[in-house]
Amino acid sequence: MPPCGPHAAACLLLVLLGLLSCLQVATARPAPAAARPHPPDGAAWRSFKHLLDARRGSRVAGLAELKKHLARFGYMHPRTEHDDAFDEHMEAAVKRYQSRLSLPVTGHLDPATLGRIMSPRCGVADGHGVSVSLSKSAVSQFTFLDGEPRWTRPDLLVLTYYISRRATVDYLPQEDVRAAFRSAFARWARVIPVEFVETDDYYGADIRVGFYEGDHGDNDPFDGPQGVLAHAGGPNDGGLHLDAAEHWTVDLDADTASMAIDLESVATHEIGHVLGLEHSSLPEAVMYPYIGERERKVELTDDDVEGVQLLYGSNPRFRHVPSVSPGRSSWLAGSVSLFCVVLVMLVTHM
């Protein structure tokens, strides 16, 4: 490249600015993709699609089953006798559901609401967690389990986990399952001062992982494919159970099944419960209760990180990079790329 002559300092400054800008884009953590809408025509749960557009004052066969479903996840009183009338209590429950899950609050079963209801989800209930006021004007979207439980140890916090060799699915190699959980645990360990170590000692493990079907002895039976995917107890419980009836995968690129569920995504979510987090109302968050078929969601958002760090503090080695919204990220990347191209053209022709 020919010398820049009297403008050498200015040329050098431009080059440095360009390189720094490119580096910023390359190292910034992209925001996870927003959860995809789930149209109300899938096979999830029992089919509730005939309830589309039901609203206060209507009576529709099958509404009682939906009320039981909402009661199970914390939106209606669990001991109430449910009927098929869309009354004021049902309307209030629907509004609570919509508000909690960041849906338009309409009070009726619009496509977005019914589609969300019929999507695969975590078996831990919503709506009972403790939200946190981050400032006078902001409230967190993450929540804690009742009582804000957390794991405690007198020294460095090390939690052991056991993955059952018997309670498993035969089409996934055991090493692939172990690798998915190692990666999921590592995502949380990166942001908090907690170490996770796999053990062969079932009875001595803090966290016990296994695949089960139907009634598996914890008073929370699984319901078959495309319903509840998994559930986990909080700190000092340690149970992390996955529904063996689902079609699990550790490689969405290689597994083309339309209803494949990404194991690492669900594992990462359930470990959040094991650590003491409840559900988040932020659809992009790992701790949002729903995930779609063939959806991969493993990157912790700022919401997930802030929540778990309030329980355990920050890993001293963790370097926080604020999330960038998809729109701004795309704009910034495009602008800097254009800047770099123009810069190279100018310097080359000097």
Protein backbone atom coordinates (compact mmCIF):
# COMPACT_ATOMS: atom_id res chain seq x y z
CA MET A 1 0.00 0.00 0.00
CA PRO A 2 1.48 3.39 -0.91
CA PRO A 3 2.19 5.76 2.00
CA CYS A 4 -0.49 8.21 3.04
CA GLY A 5 1.85 11.22 3.00
CA PRO A 6 0.85 14.15 5.24
CA HIS A 7 -2.41 12.46 6.11
CA ALA A 8 -0.76 9.42 7.71
CA ALA A 9 -2.13 10.13 11.19
CA ALA A 10 -5.66 10.55 9.87
CA CYS A 11 -5.39 7.37 7.80
CA LEU A 12 -4.12 5.41 10.79
CA LEU A 13 -6.94 6.72 12.97
CA LEU A 14 -9.53 5.67 10.39
CA VAL A 15 -8.02 2.20 10.13
CA LEU A 16 -8.02 1.77 13.92
CA LEU A 17 -11.64 2.95 14.21
CA GLY A 18 -12.68 0.54 11.50
CA LEU A 19 -10.92 -2.39 13.13
CA LEU A 20 -12.39 -1.59 16.56
CA SER A 21 -15.89 -1.31 15.12
CA CYS A 22 -15.54 -4.64 13.30
CA LEU A 23 -14.23 -6.24 16.48
CA GLN A 24 -17.19 -4.90 18.48
CA VAL A 25 -19.65 -6.52 16.09
CA ALA A 26 -17.71 -9.78 16.00
CA THR A 27 -17.56 -10.10 19.81
CA ALA A 28 -20.99 -8.80 20.78
CA ARG A 29 -23.35 -11.51 21.93
CA PRO A 30 -26.35 -11.59 19.58
CA ALA A 31 -29.76 -11.53 21.20
CA PRO A 32 -31.51 -14.91 21.02
CA ALA A 33 -34.19 -15.16 18.37
CA ALA A 34 -37.68 -14.39 19.66
CA ALA A 35 -39.88 -17.39 20.30
CA ARG A 36 -41.73 -18.34 17.16
CA PRO A 37 -45.53 -18.10 17.20
CA HIS A 38 -47.19 -21.46 17.58
CA PRO A 39 -50.37 -21.69 15.49
CA PRO A 40 -53.30 -23.46 17.19
CA ASP A 41 -53.30 -26.44 14.82
CA GLY A 42 -50.68 -28.72 16.34
CA ALA A 43 -51.06 -31.95 18.22
CA ALA A 44 -50.08 -30.47 21.58
CA TRP A 45 -52.12 -31.38 24.66
CA ARG A 46 -55.65 -32.39 23.86
CA SER A 47 -56.81 -30.41 20.86
CA PHE A 48 -58.16 -27.08 22.12
CA LYS A 49 -58.36 -25.51 18.67
CA HIS A 50 -62.16 -25.65 18.61
CA LEU A 51 -62.08 -23.09 21.45
CA LEU A 52 -60.63 -20.42 19.17
CA ASP A 53 -62.20 -16.98 19.81
CA ALA A 54 -64.21 -18.18 22.82
CA ARG A 55 -64.93 -15.26 25.11
CA ARG A 56 -66.95 -14.15 28.10
CA GLY A 57 -70.60 -15.12 27.82
CA SER A 58 -70.02 -18.16 25.59
CA ARG A 59 -70.33 -21.83 26.50
CA VAL A 60 -68.18 -24.28 24.56
CA ALA A 61 -67.79 -28.03 25.09
CA GLY A 62 -64.26 -28.73 26.33
CA LEU A 63 -63.76 -25.40 28.09
CA ALA A 64 -63.77 -27.23 31.44
CA GLU A 65 -60.64 -29.13 30.34
CA LEU A 66 -58.91 -25.88 29.46
CA LYS A 67 -59.84 -24.48 32.88
CA LYS A 68 -58.17 -27.50 34.50
CA HIS A 69 -55.13 -26.87 32.35
CA LEU A 70 -54.96 -23.22 33.43
CA ALA A 71 -55.46 -24.25 37.06
CA ARG A 72 -52.56 -26.69 36.81
CA PHE A 73 -50.20 -23.88 35.84
CA GLY A 74 -51.37 -21.36 38.41
CA TYR A 75 -54.00 -19.25 36.64
CA MET A 76 -57.19 -20.57 38.29
CA HIS A 77 -58.00 -22.04 41.67
CA PRO A 78 -57.06 -25.75 41.56
CA ARG A 79 -59.94 -26.97 43.73
CA THR A 80 -62.73 -25.26 41.81
CA GLU A 81 -65.30 -27.38 39.97
CA HIS A 82 -64.90 -26.44 36.33
CA ASP A 83 -67.65 -26.23 33.73
CA ASP A 84 -67.86 -25.17 30.07
CA ALA A 85 -68.98 -21.58 30.75
CA PHE A 86 -66.67 -18.72 29.82
CA ASP A 87 -67.47 -16.63 32.91
CA GLU A 88 -65.76 -13.70 34.60
CA HIS A 89 -63.33 -16.04 36.39
CA MET A 90 -62.23 -17.57 33.11
CA GLU A 91 -61.83 -14.14 31.56
CA ALA A 92 -59.66 -13.02 34.49
CA ALA A 93 -57.56 -16.18 34.19
CA VAL A 94 -57.02 -15.62 30.47
CA LYS A 95 -55.96 -12.02 31.11
CA ARG A 96 -53.51 -13.16 33.80
CA TYR A 97 -52.11 -15.73 31.39
CA GLN A 98 -51.73 -13.20 28.61
CA SER A 99 -50.09 -10.63 30.84
CA ARG A 100 -47.72 -13.15 32.45
CA LEU A 101 -46.55 -14.47 29.07
CA SER A 102 -46.25 -11.11 27.28
CA LEU A 103 -49.21 -11.70 24.96
CA PRO A 104 -51.77 -9.05 23.94
CA VAL A 105 -54.25 -8.83 26.84
CA THR A 106 -57.60 -9.37 25.13
CA GLY A 107 -59.41 -11.55 27.66
CA HIS A 108 -60.50 -14.05 25.01
CA LEU A 109 -58.92 -17.03 23.28
CA ASP A 110 -57.43 -15.28 20.28
CA PRO A 111 -55.04 -17.18 17.97
CA ALA A 112 -51.87 -16.02 19.74
CA THR A 113 -53.17 -17.08 23.16
CA LEU A 114 -54.61 -20.42 22.13
CA GLY A 115 -51.53 -21.17 20.06
CA ARG A 116 -49.31 -20.56 23.09
CA ILE A 117 -51.51 -22.72 25.30
CA MET A 118 -51.21 -25.62 22.87
CA SER A 119 -47.41 -25.41 22.62
CA PRO A 120 -44.90 -27.67 24.42
CA ARG A 121 -43.85 -26.28 27.76
CA CYS A 122 -42.17 -26.82 31.11
CA GLY A 123 -44.22 -28.56 33.81
CA VAL A 124 -43.37 -26.04 36.54
CA ALA A 125 -46.32 -23.74 37.23
CA ASP A 126 -46.28 -20.03 36.36
CA GLY A 127 -47.33 -17.02 38.31
CA HIS A 128 -46.31 -17.83 41.87
CA GLY A 129 -42.75 -16.55 41.72
CA VAL A 130 -41.32 -13.47 43.39
CA SER A 131 -40.56 -10.61 41.01
CA VAL A 132 -37.79 -8.14 41.80
CA SER A 133 -37.80 -4.36 41.50
CA LEU A 134 -34.56 -3.42 39.76
CA SER A 135 -35.14 0.34 39.99
CA LYS A 136 -37.92 2.82 40.62
CA SER A 137 -39.07 2.47 37.03
CA ALA A 138 -38.21 -1.15 36.12
CA VAL A 139 -39.37 -4.53 37.36
CA SER A 140 -37.58 -7.72 36.41
CA GLN A 141 -39.18 -10.22 34.08
CA PHE A 142 -37.47 -13.14 35.80
CA THR A 143 -38.92 -14.50 39.04
CA PHE A 144 -37.72 -16.67 41.91
CA LEU A 145 -39.32 -19.80 43.31
CA ASP A 146 -41.35 -19.25 46.47
CA GLY A 147 -39.08 -18.34 49.38
CA GLU A 148 -36.19 -17.47 47.05
CA PRO A 149 -34.39 -20.77 47.77
CA ARG A 150 -30.78 -21.26 46.76
CA TRP A 151 -28.06 -23.85 47.20
CA THR A 152 -25.64 -23.09 50.03
CA ARG A 153 -22.31 -24.62 50.99
CA PRO A 154 -19.78 -23.54 53.64
CA ASP A 155 -17.01 -23.30 51.04
CA LEU A 156 -16.82 -23.08 47.25
CA LEU A 157 -20.20 -24.04 45.85
CA VAL A 158 -19.83 -27.34 43.98
CA LEU A 159 -22.95 -29.22 42.92
CA THR A 160 -22.82 -32.80 41.72
CA TYR A 161 -25.22 -34.28 39.21
CA TYR A 162 -26.08 -37.84 38.19
CA ILE A 163 -27.55 -38.83 34.82
CA SER A 164 -29.42 -42.11 35.00
CA ARG A 165 -28.15 -44.91 32.78
CA ARG A 166 -31.44 -46.76 33.18
CA ALA A 167 -34.05 -43.98 32.92
CA THR A 168 -33.09 -42.94 29.41
CA VAL A 169 -34.22 -43.09 25.76
CA ASP A 170 -32.69 -45.83 23.64
CA TYR A 171 -32.22 -43.78 20.45
CA LEU A 172 -29.86 -41.24 22.05
CA PRO A 173 -26.31 -42.41 22.87
CA GLN A 174 -25.58 -41.94 26.56
CA GLU A 175 -22.48 -39.91 25.81
CA ASP A 176 -24.52 -37.49 23.67
CA VAL A 177 -26.97 -36.98 26.54
CA ARG A 178 -24.10 -36.39 28.95
CA ALA A 179 -22.50 -33.92 26.54
CA ALA A 180 -25.75 -31.95 26.21
CA PHE A 181 -26.03 -31.65 29.99
CA ARG A 182 -22.37 -30.74 30.39
CA SER A 183 -22.91 -27.89 27.97
CA ALA A 184 -26.13 -26.81 29.70
CA PHE A 185 -24.54 -26.78 33.17
CA ALA A 186 -21.52 -24.90 31.79
CA ARG A 187 -23.76 -22.08 30.53
CA TRP A 188 -24.93 -21.36 34.09
CA ALA A 189 -21.47 -21.94 35.63
CA ARG A 190 -20.04 -19.30 33.29
CA VAL A 191 -22.09 -16.54 34.96
CA ILE A 192 -22.21 -17.60 38.64
CA PRO A 193 -19.55 -18.94 41.06
CA VAL A 194 -20.91 -22.49 41.00
CA GLU A 195 -19.14 -25.60 39.69
CA PHE A 196 -21.10 -28.59 38.40
CA VAL A 197 -19.44 -32.01 38.54
CA GLU A 198 -20.88 -35.24 37.16
CA THR A 199 -20.88 -38.20 39.54
CA ASP A 200 -21.71 -41.91 39.42
CA ASP A 201 -23.16 -41.78 42.93
CA TYR A 202 -26.96 -41.62 42.57
CA TYR A 203 -27.68 -41.26 46.28
CA GLY A 204 -24.94 -38.72 46.92
CA ALA A 205 -25.71 -36.50 43.91
CA ASP A 206 -27.25 -33.07 44.45
CA ILE A 207 -29.06 -33.21 41.12
CA ARG A 208 -30.52 -36.40 39.60
CA VAL A 209 -31.46 -36.46 35.91
CA GLY A 210 -33.58 -39.05 34.14
CA PHE A 211 -36.13 -39.69 31.37
CA TYR A 212 -39.51 -41.02 32.52
CA GLU A 213 -42.99 -41.67 31.13
CA GLY A 214 -46.40 -41.09 32.68
CA ASP A 215 -46.63 -41.54 36.44
CA HIS A 216 -43.05 -41.83 37.66
CA GLY A 217 -43.46 -41.49 41.42
CA ASP A 218 -43.24 -37.75 42.07
CA ASN A 219 -46.99 -36.95 41.97
CA ASP A 220 -46.46 -35.04 38.73
CA PRO A 221 -47.07 -37.51 35.88
CA PHE A 222 -46.05 -36.74 32.33
CA ASP A 223 -48.76 -36.45 29.69
CA GLY A 224 -47.22 -37.85 26.51
CA PRO A 225 -45.80 -36.16 23.39
CA GLN A 226 -46.01 -32.40 22.83
CA GLY A 227 -47.35 -31.49 26.25
CA VAL A 228 -45.16 -31.06 29.32
CA LEU A 229 -41.58 -31.64 28.23
CA ALA A 230 -39.86 -31.74 31.61
CA HIS A 231 -39.97 -30.49 35.18
CA ALA A 232 -37.48 -29.89 37.95
CA GLY A 233 -37.46 -29.26 41.67
CA GLY A 234 -35.75 -26.28 43.21
CA PRO A 235 -32.61 -26.13 45.36
CA ASN A 236 -32.24 -29.00 47.85
CA ASP A 237 -34.70 -31.09 45.80
CA GLY A 238 -32.51 -31.78 42.81
CA GLY A 239 -34.88 -33.86 40.70
CA LEU A 240 -34.75 -33.07 36.96
CA HIS A 241 -37.10 -35.24 34.92
CA LEU A 242 -37.69 -35.31 31.16
CA ASP A 243 -40.67 -36.89 29.42
CA ALA A 244 -39.37 -39.96 27.58
CA ALA A 245 -42.41 -39.84 25.28
CA GLU A 246 -41.08 -36.75 23.51
CA HIS A 247 -38.84 -36.98 20.46
CA TRP A 248 -35.56 -35.67 21.86
CA THR A 249 -32.59 -34.64 19.76
CA VAL A 250 -29.05 -33.43 20.36
CA ASP A 251 -28.56 -32.30 16.74
CA LEU A 252 -31.37 -30.41 14.99
CA ASP A 253 -29.39 -30.33 11.76
CA ALA A 254 -29.13 -34.11 11.57
CA ASP A 255 -32.57 -34.91 13.00
CA THR A 256 -35.29 -33.83 10.58
CA ALA A 257 -38.29 -34.93 12.65
CA SER A 258 -40.92 -32.19 12.65
CA MET A 259 -41.62 -32.55 16.40
CA ALA A 260 -38.01 -32.88 17.57
CA ILE A 261 -37.25 -31.19 20.89
CA ASP A 262 -33.73 -29.89 21.50
CA LEU A 263 -32.39 -31.58 24.63
CA GLU A 264 -29.81 -28.97 25.57
CA SER A 265 -32.39 -26.16 25.37
CA VAL A 266 -34.76 -27.91 27.77
CA ALA A 267 -31.90 -28.98 30.04
CA THR A 268 -30.66 -25.39 30.30
CA HIS A 269 -34.17 -24.22 31.24
CA GLU A 270 -34.70 -26.90 33.88
CA ILE A 271 -31.29 -26.25 35.48
CA GLY A 272 -32.52 -22.69 36.02
CA HIS A 273 -35.29 -24.14 38.21
CA VAL A 274 -32.80 -26.35 40.04
CA LEU A 275 -30.87 -23.17 40.88
CA GLY A 276 -33.98 -21.38 42.21
CA LEU A 277 -35.36 -19.42 39.27
CA GLU A 278 -39.01 -19.58 38.33
CA HIS A 279 -40.33 -18.56 34.93
CA SER A 280 -39.64 -15.34 33.07
CA SER A 281 -42.24 -13.38 31.12
CA LEU A 282 -39.63 -12.47 28.49
CA PRO A 283 -40.24 -14.69 25.43
CA GLU A 284 -36.55 -14.59 24.45
CA ALA A 285 -35.36 -15.76 27.88
CA VAL A 286 -34.22 -19.31 28.53
CA MET A 287 -36.56 -19.29 31.54
CA TYR A 288 -39.69 -18.54 29.47
CA PRO A 289 -41.93 -21.59 30.03
CA TYR A 290 -42.60 -22.45 26.37
CA ILE A 291 -40.37 -23.69 23.57
CA GLY A 292 -41.33 -24.80 20.09
CA GLU A 293 -40.60 -27.94 18.17
CA ARG A 294 -37.22 -27.65 16.44
CA GLU A 295 -36.41 -24.51 18.42
CA ARG A 296 -32.96 -24.08 19.96
CA LYS A 297 -32.73 -21.68 22.89
CA VAL A 298 -29.58 -22.12 24.95
CA GLU A 299 -28.03 -18.65 25.23
CA LEU A 300 -28.75 -16.95 28.56
CA THR A 301 -30.28 -13.51 28.12
CA ASP A 302 -29.56 -10.56 30.40
CA ASP A 303 -32.83 -11.40 32.17
CA ASP A 304 -31.65 -14.95 32.96
CA VAL A 305 -28.22 -13.74 34.05
CA GLU A 306 -29.52 -10.96 36.31
CA GLY A 307 -31.91 -13.36 38.02
CA VAL A 308 -29.42 -16.10 38.81
CA GLN A 309 -26.71 -13.62 39.85
CA LEU A 310 -29.04 -12.11 42.43
CA LEU A 311 -29.17 -15.57 44.00
CA TYR A 312 -25.49 -16.53 43.75
CA GLY A 313 -23.46 -13.50 42.76
CA SER A 314 -21.34 -13.16 39.65
CA ASN A 315 -18.59 -15.49 38.52
CA PRO A 316 -15.40 -13.36 38.86
CA ARG A 317 -14.33 -14.53 35.40
CA PHE A 318 -17.65 -13.57 33.78
CA ARG A 319 -17.44 -10.62 31.40
CA HIS A 320 -20.87 -9.16 30.76
CA VAL A 321 -21.66 -8.05 27.21
CA PRO A 322 -25.11 -6.41 27.01
CA SER A 323 -27.52 -8.04 24.60
CA VAL A 324 -28.23 -6.16 21.38
CA SER A 325 -31.71 -6.24 19.91
CA PRO A 326 -31.94 -8.09 16.56
CA GLY A 327 -32.91 -4.95 14.69
CA ARG A 328 -30.11 -2.84 16.10
CA SER A 329 -27.63 -5.68 15.72
CA SER A 330 -28.44 -6.07 12.05
CA TRP A 331 -28.27 -2.31 11.48
CA LEU A 332 -24.97 -2.00 13.34
CA ALA A 333 -23.39 -4.94 11.56
CA GLY A 334 -24.47 -3.61 8.17
CA SER A 335 -23.27 -0.08 8.92
CA VAL A 336 -19.87 -1.21 10.16
CA SER A 337 -19.40 -3.61 7.26
CA LEU A 338 -20.12 -0.77 4.83
CA PHE A 339 -17.73 1.49 6.74
CA CYS A 340 -14.97 -1.13 6.55
CA VAL A 341 -15.46 -1.56 2.79
CA VAL A 342 -15.35 2.18 2.15
CA LEU A 343 -12.31 2.54 4.41
CA VAL A 344 -10.39 -0.15 2.53
CA MET A 345 -11.28 1.49 -0.82
CA LEU A 346 -10.11 4.92 0.37
CA VAL A 347 -6.82 3.67 1.83
CA THR A 348 -6.08 1.48 -1.21
CA HIS A 349 -6.47 4.38 -3.61
CA MET A 350 -4.38 6.87 -1.62
